[in-house]
Amino acid sequence: MSFNQKNFDYTTYEEYYHTTLILPRTWMISSKTQHTPMGSDNYLLEGDEYALAIDSGMTKLDYCKYVEQLTDLPVDGVINTHSHFDHTGGNGYFKKVYMHPEAEAGAKRAFGGSAEGYILDYKITPVREGDVINLGNRELEIIEIGAHDLSSIAILDRTYRILFSGDELESGWCNVGVMGTKRKGATIENHYKNMMKLKSRWDEFDVICPGHHGAPLDKEILNHVLICDKMILDGYEGSCDIPPKNGGGRFDPETGIRVMRYKTAHICYNINNIFEG
């Protein structure tokens, strides 16, 4: 093995992470626990030569050390699906950090303002639309899909036919244009455009692995999300009943926050942030 079990503190790490082998050579590492309620679903992928982490959660533990004990391969680094700190907080432990250039500033901005205990002096390796990372007979293609966060990328695993979608496409909940003031791209119109981009690649993946709420998902959820977006664009207004666990106390309906539901898809949006312009 690539580590010494006697020197690895499983007890501490297992309080913070729950790890499952969900697909061939693909682990899901859930970091949302009672200790880290703002955590995410992260992943570790193995190729023939290297392993790569997708997102790093938000704990102050050495996340790289944890994922290294899952594989006998060298861990090339971590790639972030977008800039939010619940996906980037553990980046500083990796030798290489991939992200979209738009993500760099936000990735080092801790939630709540205090970054004490986090390693933030790392450099980034930028990735953009069409870039491919090869782990050795496992190719990962970058697709730009920013709306929930303007730096968002999807990662298309060409070899194992998996689409890693970050927070732009989830089961249970997806926020689009509800955080802060209106920004270009953070609209339902742009989100729909990005989902149609993923739909154009429909024949290249079989399942979807999002940034929250568990994985893998049947790819039919993409159609459900598209219907939600289209209903909003067509003038149907969602409801105000936002559950507390999804920000019911944080998103005020009086400011225009609504949720549109269709089967497995839930889009939280602002009625003032539907169209570009």
C-alpha atoms as a PDB file:
ATOM      1  CA  MET A   1       0.000   0.000   0.000  1.00  0.00           C
ATOM      2  CA  SER A   2       1.018   3.630  -0.413  1.00  0.00           C
ATOM      3  CA  PHE A   3       0.699   4.551   3.258  1.00  0.00           C
ATOM      4  CA  ASN A   4       1.440   3.252   6.731  1.00  0.00           C
ATOM      5  CA  GLN A   5      -1.826   2.399   8.464  1.00  0.00           C
ATOM      6  CA  LYS A   6      -0.208   2.694  11.902  1.00  0.00           C
ATOM      7  CA  ASN A   7       0.525   6.372  11.247  1.00  0.00           C
ATOM      8  CA  PHE A   8      -2.871   7.290   9.818  1.00  0.00           C
ATOM      9  CA  ASP A   9      -5.470   8.694  12.192  1.00  0.00           C
ATOM     10  CA  TYR A  10      -8.612   7.001  10.875  1.00  0.00           C
ATOM     11  CA  THR A  11     -10.713   7.943  13.909  1.00  0.00           C
ATOM     12  CA  THR A  12     -10.369  11.686  13.362  1.00  0.00           C
ATOM     13  CA  TYR A  13     -10.774  11.540   9.581  1.00  0.00           C
ATOM     14  CA  GLU A  14     -13.801   9.267   9.663  1.00  0.00           C
ATOM     15  CA  GLU A  15     -15.605  11.806  11.834  1.00  0.00           C
ATOM     16  CA  TYR A  16     -15.274  14.254   8.946  1.00  0.00           C
ATOM     17  CA  TYR A  17     -15.540  12.092   5.829  1.00  0.00           C
ATOM     18  CA  HIS A  18     -17.759   9.278   4.604  1.00  0.00           C
ATOM     19  CA  THR A  19     -16.252   7.454   1.632  1.00  0.00           C
ATOM     20  CA  THR A  20     -17.926   5.079  -0.820  1.00  0.00           C
ATOM     21  CA  LEU A  21     -16.688   3.352  -3.975  1.00  0.00           C
ATOM     22  CA  ILE A  22     -19.603   4.333  -6.220  1.00  0.00           C
ATOM     23  CA  LEU A  23     -18.323   3.413  -9.690  1.00  0.00           C
ATOM     24  CA  PRO A  24     -15.231   1.671 -11.089  1.00  0.00           C
ATOM     25  CA  ARG A  25     -12.117   3.429  -9.784  1.00  0.00           C
ATOM     26  CA  THR A  26     -14.312   6.283  -8.523  1.00  0.00           C
ATOM     27  CA  TRP A  27     -14.813   7.203  -4.863  1.00  0.00           C
ATOM     28  CA  MET A  28     -17.329   9.682  -3.466  1.00  0.00           C
ATOM     29  CA  ILE A  29     -16.089  11.389  -0.309  1.00  0.00           C
ATOM     30  CA  SER A  30     -18.870  13.217   1.516  1.00  0.00           C
ATOM     31  CA  SER A  31     -17.518  15.980   3.737  1.00  0.00           C
ATOM     32  CA  LYS A  32     -20.870  17.290   4.946  1.00  0.00           C
ATOM     33  CA  THR A  33     -21.050  16.030   8.534  1.00  0.00           C
ATOM     34  CA  GLN A  34     -22.084  17.359  11.923  1.00  0.00           C
ATOM     35  CA  HIS A  35     -18.585  18.844  12.151  1.00  0.00           C
ATOM     36  CA  THR A  36     -18.690  20.469   8.717  1.00  0.00           C
ATOM     37  CA  PRO A  37     -22.310  21.291   7.816  1.00  0.00           C
ATOM     38  CA  MET A  38     -21.121  23.326   4.826  1.00  0.00           C
ATOM     39  CA  GLY A  39     -19.265  20.413   3.252  1.00  0.00           C
ATOM     40  CA  SER A  40     -19.739  18.875  -0.196  1.00  0.00           C
ATOM     41  CA  ASP A  41     -19.608  15.602  -2.095  1.00  0.00           C
ATOM     42  CA  ASN A  42     -16.057  15.262  -3.392  1.00  0.00           C
ATOM     43  CA  TYR A  43     -14.541  12.553  -5.581  1.00  0.00           C
ATOM     44  CA  LEU A  44     -11.308  10.672  -6.176  1.00  0.00           C
ATOM     45  CA  LEU A  45     -10.657   9.213  -9.630  1.00  0.00           C
ATOM     46  CA  GLU A  46      -8.006   6.663 -10.584  1.00  0.00           C
ATOM     47  CA  GLY A  47      -6.424   6.291 -14.012  1.00  0.00           C
ATOM     48  CA  ASP A  48      -3.640   3.898 -14.897  1.00  0.00           C
ATOM     49  CA  GLU A  49      -0.893   6.364 -13.917  1.00  0.00           C
ATOM     50  CA  TYR A  50      -2.375   8.979 -11.593  1.00  0.00           C
ATOM     51  CA  ALA A  51      -5.285   9.711  -9.297  1.00  0.00           C
ATOM     52  CA  LEU A  52      -7.072  13.076  -9.136  1.00  0.00           C
ATOM     53  CA  ALA A  53      -9.369  14.602  -6.506  1.00  0.00           C
ATOM     54  CA  ILE A  54     -12.449  16.569  -7.533  1.00  0.00           C
ATOM     55  CA  ASP A  55     -13.121  19.286  -4.917  1.00  0.00           C
ATOM     56  CA  SER A  56     -11.674  19.299  -1.417  1.00  0.00           C
ATOM     57  CA  GLY A  57     -14.452  20.189   1.019  1.00  0.00           C
ATOM     58  CA  MET A  58     -14.056  22.653   3.846  1.00  0.00           C
ATOM     59  CA  THR A  59     -12.388  20.960   6.828  1.00  0.00           C
ATOM     60  CA  LYS A  60      -8.975  22.002   8.122  1.00  0.00           C
ATOM     61  CA  LEU A  61      -7.676  18.440   8.123  1.00  0.00           C
ATOM     62  CA  ASP A  62      -5.050  17.390   5.577  1.00  0.00           C
ATOM     63  CA  TYR A  63      -7.477  16.273   2.876  1.00  0.00           C
ATOM     64  CA  CYS A  64      -4.709  15.243   0.479  1.00  0.00           C
ATOM     65  CA  LYS A  65      -3.322  12.857   3.109  1.00  0.00           C
ATOM     66  CA  TYR A  66      -6.773  11.314   3.432  1.00  0.00           C
ATOM     67  CA  VAL A  67      -7.338  10.678  -0.280  1.00  0.00           C
ATOM     68  CA  GLU A  68      -3.804   9.330  -0.678  1.00  0.00           C
ATOM     69  CA  GLN A  69      -4.656   6.391   1.552  1.00  0.00           C
ATOM     70  CA  LEU A  70      -7.466   5.389  -0.846  1.00  0.00           C
ATOM     71  CA  THR A  71      -5.136   4.684  -3.768  1.00  0.00           C
ATOM     72  CA  ASP A  72      -1.727   3.195  -4.555  1.00  0.00           C
ATOM     73  CA  LEU A  73      -1.251   5.742  -7.345  1.00  0.00           C
ATOM     74  CA  PRO A  74       0.323   9.193  -6.962  1.00  0.00           C
ATOM     75  CA  VAL A  75      -2.359  11.858  -6.500  1.00  0.00           C
ATOM     76  CA  ASP A  76      -1.749  14.453  -9.229  1.00  0.00           C
ATOM     77  CA  GLY A  77      -3.748  17.145  -7.448  1.00  0.00           C
ATOM     78  CA  VAL A  78      -7.272  18.475  -7.041  1.00  0.00           C
ATOM     79  CA  ILE A  79      -9.612  20.113  -9.553  1.00  0.00           C
ATOM     80  CA  ASN A  80     -12.387  22.421  -8.366  1.00  0.00           C
ATOM     81  CA  THR A  81     -15.825  22.417  -9.977  1.00  0.00           C
ATOM     82  CA  HIS A  82     -16.240  26.064  -8.920  1.00  0.00           C
ATOM     83  CA  SER A  83     -14.972  28.682  -6.487  1.00  0.00           C
ATOM     84  CA  HIS A  84     -17.193  28.262  -3.415  1.00  0.00           C
ATOM     85  CA  PHE A  85     -15.263  27.544  -0.239  1.00  0.00           C
ATOM     86  CA  ASP A  86     -17.232  24.426   0.713  1.00  0.00           C
ATOM     87  CA  HIS A  87     -15.540  22.889  -2.354  1.00  0.00           C
ATOM     88  CA  THR A  88     -12.108  24.529  -2.114  1.00  0.00           C
ATOM     89  CA  GLY A  89     -11.201  24.784   1.584  1.00  0.00           C
ATOM     90  CA  GLY A  90      -8.824  21.799   1.518  1.00  0.00           C
ATOM     91  CA  ASN A  91      -6.966  22.830  -1.650  1.00  0.00           C
ATOM     92  CA  GLY A  92      -3.827  24.008   0.135  1.00  0.00           C
ATOM     93  CA  TYR A  93      -2.682  20.478   0.986  1.00  0.00           C
ATOM     94  CA  PHE A  94      -2.285  19.497  -2.684  1.00  0.00           C
ATOM     95  CA  LYS A  95       0.806  20.095  -4.831  1.00  0.00           C
ATOM     96  CA  LYS A  96      -1.325  21.032  -7.828  1.00  0.00           C
ATOM     97  CA  VAL A  97      -4.715  22.795  -7.881  1.00  0.00           C
ATOM     98  CA  TYR A  98      -6.719  22.991 -11.111  1.00  0.00           C
ATOM     99  CA  MET A  99      -9.602  25.436 -11.502  1.00  0.00           C
ATOM    100  CA  HIS A 100     -11.158  27.836 -13.972  1.00  0.00           C
ATOM    101  CA  PRO A 101      -9.335  31.221 -13.883  1.00  0.00           C
ATOM    102  CA  GLU A 102     -12.600  32.902 -12.834  1.00  0.00           C
ATOM    103  CA  ALA A 103     -12.484  30.823  -9.625  1.00  0.00           C
ATOM    104  CA  GLU A 104      -9.169  31.956  -8.168  1.00  0.00           C
ATOM    105  CA  ALA A 105     -10.350  34.892  -6.043  1.00  0.00           C
ATOM    106  CA  GLY A 106     -13.437  33.202  -4.654  1.00  0.00           C
ATOM    107  CA  ALA A 107     -11.696  29.909  -3.960  1.00  0.00           C
ATOM    108  CA  LYS A 108      -9.597  31.553  -1.245  1.00  0.00           C
ATOM    109  CA  ARG A 109     -12.482  33.491   0.324  1.00  0.00           C
ATOM    110  CA  ALA A 110     -13.568  31.605   3.443  1.00  0.00           C
ATOM    111  CA  PHE A 111     -17.235  31.537   4.404  1.00  0.00           C
ATOM    112  CA  GLY A 112     -17.899  33.861   7.322  1.00  0.00           C
ATOM    113  CA  GLY A 113     -14.768  35.902   6.646  1.00  0.00           C
ATOM    114  CA  SER A 114     -12.293  33.970   8.829  1.00  0.00           C
ATOM    115  CA  ALA A 115      -9.685  31.898   6.986  1.00  0.00           C
ATOM    116  CA  GLU A 116      -7.745  30.965  10.128  1.00  0.00           C
ATOM    117  CA  GLY A 117      -6.423  27.414   9.911  1.00  0.00           C
ATOM    118  CA  TYR A 118      -6.729  27.113   6.125  1.00  0.00           C
ATOM    119  CA  ILE A 119      -3.774  26.988   3.735  1.00  0.00           C
ATOM    120  CA  LEU A 120      -4.454  29.558   1.031  1.00  0.00           C
ATOM    121  CA  ASP A 121      -1.050  30.412  -0.452  1.00  0.00           C
ATOM    122  CA  TYR A 122      -1.290  27.802  -3.197  1.00  0.00           C
ATOM    123  CA  LYS A 123      -0.920  28.515  -6.898  1.00  0.00           C
ATOM    124  CA  ILE A 124      -3.507  27.430  -9.450  1.00  0.00           C
ATOM    125  CA  THR A 125      -3.206  25.634 -12.763  1.00  0.00           C
ATOM    126  CA  PRO A 126      -5.954  27.143 -14.935  1.00  0.00           C
ATOM    127  CA  VAL A 127      -8.287  24.977 -17.006  1.00  0.00           C
ATOM    128  CA  ARG A 128     -10.733  26.101 -19.662  1.00  0.00           C
ATOM    129  CA  GLU A 129     -13.314  24.808 -22.114  1.00  0.00           C
ATOM    130  CA  GLY A 130     -11.988  21.834 -24.073  1.00  0.00           C
ATOM    131  CA  ASP A 131      -8.919  21.162 -21.923  1.00  0.00           C
ATOM    132  CA  VAL A 132      -8.272  17.475 -21.216  1.00  0.00           C
ATOM    133  CA  ILE A 133      -6.535  15.962 -18.188  1.00  0.00           C
ATOM    134  CA  ASN A 134      -5.288  12.426 -18.815  1.00  0.00           C
ATOM    135  CA  LEU A 135      -4.778  10.230 -15.758  1.00  0.00           C
ATOM    136  CA  GLY A 136      -3.525   7.371 -17.924  1.00  0.00           C
ATOM    137  CA  ASN A 137      -6.243   5.803 -20.053  1.00  0.00           C
ATOM    138  CA  ARG A 138      -8.783   8.015 -18.270  1.00  0.00           C
ATOM    139  CA  GLU A 139      -9.482  11.318 -20.002  1.00  0.00           C
ATOM    140  CA  LEU A 140     -11.299  14.193 -18.282  1.00  0.00           C
ATOM    141  CA  GLU A 141     -12.646  16.982 -20.491  1.00  0.00           C
ATOM    142  CA  ILE A 142     -13.476  20.448 -19.143  1.00  0.00           C
ATOM    143  CA  ILE A 143     -16.841  22.031 -20.073  1.00  0.00           C
ATOM    144  CA  GLU A 144     -17.591  25.604 -18.930  1.00  0.00           C
ATOM    145  CA  ILE A 145     -21.100  25.895 -17.425  1.00  0.00           C
ATOM    146  CA  GLY A 146     -20.980  28.923 -15.085  1.00  0.00           C
ATOM    147  CA  ALA A 147     -24.307  30.208 -13.699  1.00  0.00           C
ATOM    148  CA  HIS A 148     -24.701  29.111 -10.059  1.00  0.00           C
ATOM    149  CA  ASP A 149     -21.110  30.320  -9.899  1.00  0.00           C
ATOM    150  CA  LEU A 150     -19.515  31.979 -12.912  1.00  0.00           C
ATOM    151  CA  SER A 151     -16.415  29.790 -12.578  1.00  0.00           C
ATOM    152  CA  SER A 152     -18.316  26.502 -12.739  1.00  0.00           C
ATOM    153  CA  ILE A 153     -17.043  23.691 -14.901  1.00  0.00           C
ATOM    154  CA  ALA A 154     -18.395  20.239 -15.621  1.00  0.00           C
ATOM    155  CA  ILE A 155     -15.861  17.428 -15.922  1.00  0.00           C
ATOM    156  CA  LEU A 156     -16.690  14.801 -18.533  1.00  0.00           C
ATOM    157  CA  ASP A 157     -15.015  11.479 -17.826  1.00  0.00           C
ATOM    158  CA  ARG A 158     -14.787  10.153 -21.379  1.00  0.00           C
ATOM    159  CA  THR A 159     -13.475   6.749 -20.290  1.00  0.00           C
ATOM    160  CA  TYR A 160     -15.989   5.810 -17.595  1.00  0.00           C
ATOM    161  CA  ARG A 161     -18.812   7.919 -19.081  1.00  0.00           C
ATOM    162  CA  ILE A 162     -19.431  10.023 -15.959  1.00  0.00           C
ATOM    163  CA  LEU A 163     -20.391  13.710 -15.879  1.00  0.00           C
ATOM    164  CA  PHE A 164     -19.236  15.570 -12.758  1.00  0.00           C
ATOM    165  CA  SER A 165     -21.502  18.621 -12.564  1.00  0.00           C
ATOM    166  CA  GLY A 166     -20.557  20.475  -9.368  1.00  0.00           C
ATOM    167  CA  ASP A 167     -23.430  22.617  -8.056  1.00  0.00           C
ATOM    168  CA  GLU A 168     -24.924  23.507 -11.448  1.00  0.00           C
ATOM    169  CA  LEU A 169     -26.925  20.287 -11.715  1.00  0.00           C
ATOM    170  CA  GLU A 170     -28.022  18.432  -8.591  1.00  0.00           C
ATOM    171  CA  SER A 171     -30.874  16.424  -7.203  1.00  0.00           C
ATOM    172  CA  GLY A 172     -32.737  18.143  -4.399  1.00  0.00           C
ATOM    173  CA  TRP A 173     -31.570  21.720  -4.905  1.00  0.00           C
ATOM    174  CA  CYS A 174     -29.737  24.113  -7.201  1.00  0.00           C
ATOM    175  CA  ASN A 175     -29.313  27.855  -6.594  1.00  0.00           C
ATOM    176  CA  VAL A 176     -29.113  30.145  -9.629  1.00  0.00           C
ATOM    177  CA  GLY A 177     -28.800  33.908  -9.250  1.00  0.00           C
ATOM    178  CA  VAL A 178     -29.944  34.077  -5.636  1.00  0.00           C
ATOM    179  CA  MET A 179     -26.666  35.011  -3.942  1.00  0.00           C
ATOM    180  CA  GLY A 180     -25.772  38.703  -3.994  1.00  0.00           C
ATOM    181  CA  THR A 181     -26.622  41.278  -6.633  1.00  0.00           C
ATOM    182  CA  LYS A 182     -27.434  40.414 -10.225  1.00  0.00           C
ATOM    183  CA  ARG A 183     -24.367  39.496 -12.259  1.00  0.00           C
ATOM    184  CA  LYS A 184     -23.990  38.730 -15.934  1.00  0.00           C
ATOM    185  CA  GLY A 185     -24.315  34.974 -16.406  1.00  0.00           C
ATOM    186  CA  ALA A 186     -25.935  34.282 -13.041  1.00  0.00           C
ATOM    187  CA  THR A 187     -29.379  33.930 -14.606  1.00  0.00           C
ATOM    188  CA  ILE A 188     -31.859  31.219 -15.506  1.00  0.00           C
ATOM    189  CA  GLU A 189     -31.400  32.116 -19.169  1.00  0.00           C
ATOM    190  CA  ASN A 190     -27.682  31.315 -18.964  1.00  0.00           C
ATOM    191  CA  HIS A 191     -28.229  28.241 -16.809  1.00  0.00           C
ATOM    192  CA  TYR A 192     -30.643  26.875 -19.421  1.00  0.00           C
ATOM    193  CA  LYS A 193     -28.082  27.547 -22.158  1.00  0.00           C
ATOM    194  CA  ASN A 194     -25.448  25.634 -20.182  1.00  0.00           C
ATOM    195  CA  MET A 195     -27.762  22.714 -19.506  1.00  0.00           C
ATOM    196  CA  MET A 196     -28.508  22.552 -23.235  1.00  0.00           C
ATOM    197  CA  LYS A 197     -24.740  22.400 -23.810  1.00  0.00           C
ATOM    198  CA  LEU A 198     -24.610  19.342 -21.540  1.00  0.00           C
ATOM    199  CA  LYS A 199     -27.646  17.880 -23.312  1.00  0.00           C
ATOM    200  CA  SER A 200     -25.715  18.112 -26.576  1.00  0.00           C
ATOM    201  CA  ARG A 201     -23.227  15.659 -25.032  1.00  0.00           C
ATOM    202  CA  TRP A 202     -26.001  13.273 -23.916  1.00  0.00           C
ATOM    203  CA  ASP A 203     -24.577  10.226 -25.698  1.00  0.00           C
ATOM    204  CA  GLU A 204     -21.181  10.618 -24.004  1.00  0.00           C
ATOM    205  CA  PHE A 205     -22.162   9.925 -20.374  1.00  0.00           C
ATOM    206  CA  ASP A 206     -24.375   7.493 -18.502  1.00  0.00           C
ATOM    207  CA  VAL A 207     -24.543   8.968 -14.984  1.00  0.00           C
ATOM    208  CA  ILE A 208     -24.091  12.313 -13.231  1.00  0.00           C
ATOM    209  CA  CYS A 209     -22.115  12.994 -10.052  1.00  0.00           C
ATOM    210  CA  PRO A 210     -23.026  16.379  -8.500  1.00  0.00           C
ATOM    211  CA  GLY A 211     -21.484  18.454  -5.720  1.00  0.00           C
ATOM    212  CA  HIS A 212     -24.168  17.675  -3.124  1.00  0.00           C
ATOM    213  CA  HIS A 213     -26.991  15.274  -2.223  1.00  0.00           C
ATOM    214  CA  GLY A 214     -25.325  11.994  -3.235  1.00  0.00           C
ATOM    215  CA  ALA A 215     -24.296  10.173  -6.408  1.00  0.00           C
ATOM    216  CA  PRO A 216     -24.450   8.710  -8.947  1.00  0.00           C
ATOM    217  CA  LEU A 217     -27.645  10.113 -10.471  1.00  0.00           C
ATOM    218  CA  ASP A 218     -29.556   8.837 -13.472  1.00  0.00           C
ATOM    219  CA  LYS A 219     -28.828  11.293 -16.281  1.00  0.00           C
ATOM    220  CA  GLU A 220     -32.578  11.803 -16.768  1.00  0.00           C
ATOM    221  CA  ILE A 221     -32.285  14.487 -14.075  1.00  0.00           C
ATOM    222  CA  LEU A 222     -30.742  16.722 -16.742  1.00  0.00           C
ATOM    223  CA  ASN A 223     -34.077  16.673 -18.593  1.00  0.00           C
ATOM    224  CA  HIS A 224     -35.916  17.539 -15.366  1.00  0.00           C
ATOM    225  CA  VAL A 225     -33.602  20.511 -14.758  1.00  0.00           C
ATOM    226  CA  LEU A 226     -34.132  21.715 -18.328  1.00  0.00           C
ATOM    227  CA  ILE A 227     -37.907  21.592 -17.845  1.00  0.00           C
ATOM    228  CA  CYS A 228     -37.604  23.638 -14.640  1.00  0.00           C
ATOM    229  CA  ASP A 229     -35.513  26.276 -16.390  1.00  0.00           C
ATOM    230  CA  LYS A 230     -37.845  26.389 -19.395  1.00  0.00           C
ATOM    231  CA  MET A 231     -40.929  26.806 -17.198  1.00  0.00           C
ATOM    232  CA  ILE A 232     -39.306  29.797 -15.516  1.00  0.00           C
ATOM    233  CA  LEU A 233     -38.289  31.300 -18.856  1.00  0.00           C
ATOM    234  CA  ASP A 234     -41.846  30.810 -20.133  1.00  0.00           C
ATOM    235  CA  GLY A 235     -43.246  32.898 -17.281  1.00  0.00           C
ATOM    236  CA  TYR A 236     -44.345  30.308 -14.761  1.00  0.00           C
ATOM    237  CA  GLU A 237     -43.505  31.452 -11.248  1.00  0.00           C
ATOM    238  CA  GLY A 238     -42.339  28.976  -8.665  1.00  0.00           C
ATOM    239  CA  SER A 239     -43.408  28.854  -5.036  1.00  0.00           C
ATOM    240  CA  CYS A 240     -42.117  30.563  -1.904  1.00  0.00           C
ATOM    241  CA  ASP A 241     -41.934  27.435   0.254  1.00  0.00           C
ATOM    242  CA  ILE A 242     -38.176  27.110   0.582  1.00  0.00           C
ATOM    243  CA  PRO A 243     -37.328  24.461   3.218  1.00  0.00           C
ATOM    244  CA  PRO A 244     -35.100  25.567   6.096  1.00  0.00           C
ATOM    245  CA  LYS A 245     -32.417  23.008   5.159  1.00  0.00           C
ATOM    246  CA  ASN A 246     -32.113  24.675   1.746  1.00  0.00           C
ATOM    247  CA  GLY A 247     -31.885  28.237   2.975  1.00  0.00           C
ATOM    248  CA  GLY A 248     -35.463  28.903   4.077  1.00  0.00           C
ATOM    249  CA  GLY A 249     -34.201  31.285   6.730  1.00  0.00           C
ATOM    250  CA  ARG A 250     -31.604  32.848   4.434  1.00  0.00           C
ATOM    251  CA  PHE A 251     -33.599  33.517   1.281  1.00  0.00           C
ATOM    252  CA  ASP A 252     -36.407  36.036   1.788  1.00  0.00           C
ATOM    253  CA  PRO A 253     -39.403  35.538  -0.560  1.00  0.00           C
ATOM    254  CA  GLU A 254     -40.034  39.299  -0.344  1.00  0.00           C
ATOM    255  CA  THR A 255     -36.838  39.854  -2.343  1.00  0.00           C
ATOM    256  CA  GLY A 256     -38.115  37.733  -5.213  1.00  0.00           C
ATOM    257  CA  ILE A 257     -36.708  34.328  -4.255  1.00  0.00           C
ATOM    258  CA  ARG A 258     -38.732  31.386  -5.591  1.00  0.00           C
ATOM    259  CA  VAL A 259     -38.282  27.657  -6.161  1.00  0.00           C
ATOM    260  CA  MET A 260     -39.410  25.772  -9.275  1.00  0.00           C
ATOM    261  CA  ARG A 261     -39.853  22.017  -8.976  1.00  0.00           C
ATOM    262  CA  TYR A 262     -40.225  19.275 -11.545  1.00  0.00           C
ATOM    263  CA  LYS A 263     -39.838  15.652 -10.446  1.00  0.00           C
ATOM    264  CA  THR A 264     -36.247  15.292  -9.197  1.00  0.00           C
ATOM    265  CA  ALA A 265     -35.183  18.862 -10.041  1.00  0.00           C
ATOM    266  CA  HIS A 266     -35.456  21.925  -7.801  1.00  0.00           C
ATOM    267  CA  ILE A 267     -34.230  25.322  -9.028  1.00  0.00           C
ATOM    268  CA  CYS A 268     -34.033  28.188  -6.532  1.00  0.00           C
ATOM    269  CA  TYR A 269     -33.946  31.536  -8.350  1.00  0.00           C
ATOM    270  CA  ASN A 270     -34.748  35.228  -8.138  1.00  0.00           C
ATOM    271  CA  ILE A 271     -37.588  36.540 -10.303  1.00  0.00           C
ATOM    272  CA  ASN A 272     -35.377  39.577 -11.005  1.00  0.00           C
ATOM    273  CA  ASN A 273     -32.527  37.422 -12.316  1.00  0.00           C
ATOM    274  CA  ILE A 274     -34.207  35.348 -14.997  1.00  0.00           C
ATOM    275  CA  PHE A 275     -32.954  36.961 -18.194  1.00  0.00           C
ATOM    276  CA  GLU A 276     -29.612  38.427 -19.228  1.00  0.00           C
ATOM    277  CA  GLY A 277     -29.449  42.184 -19.671  1.00  0.00           C
END
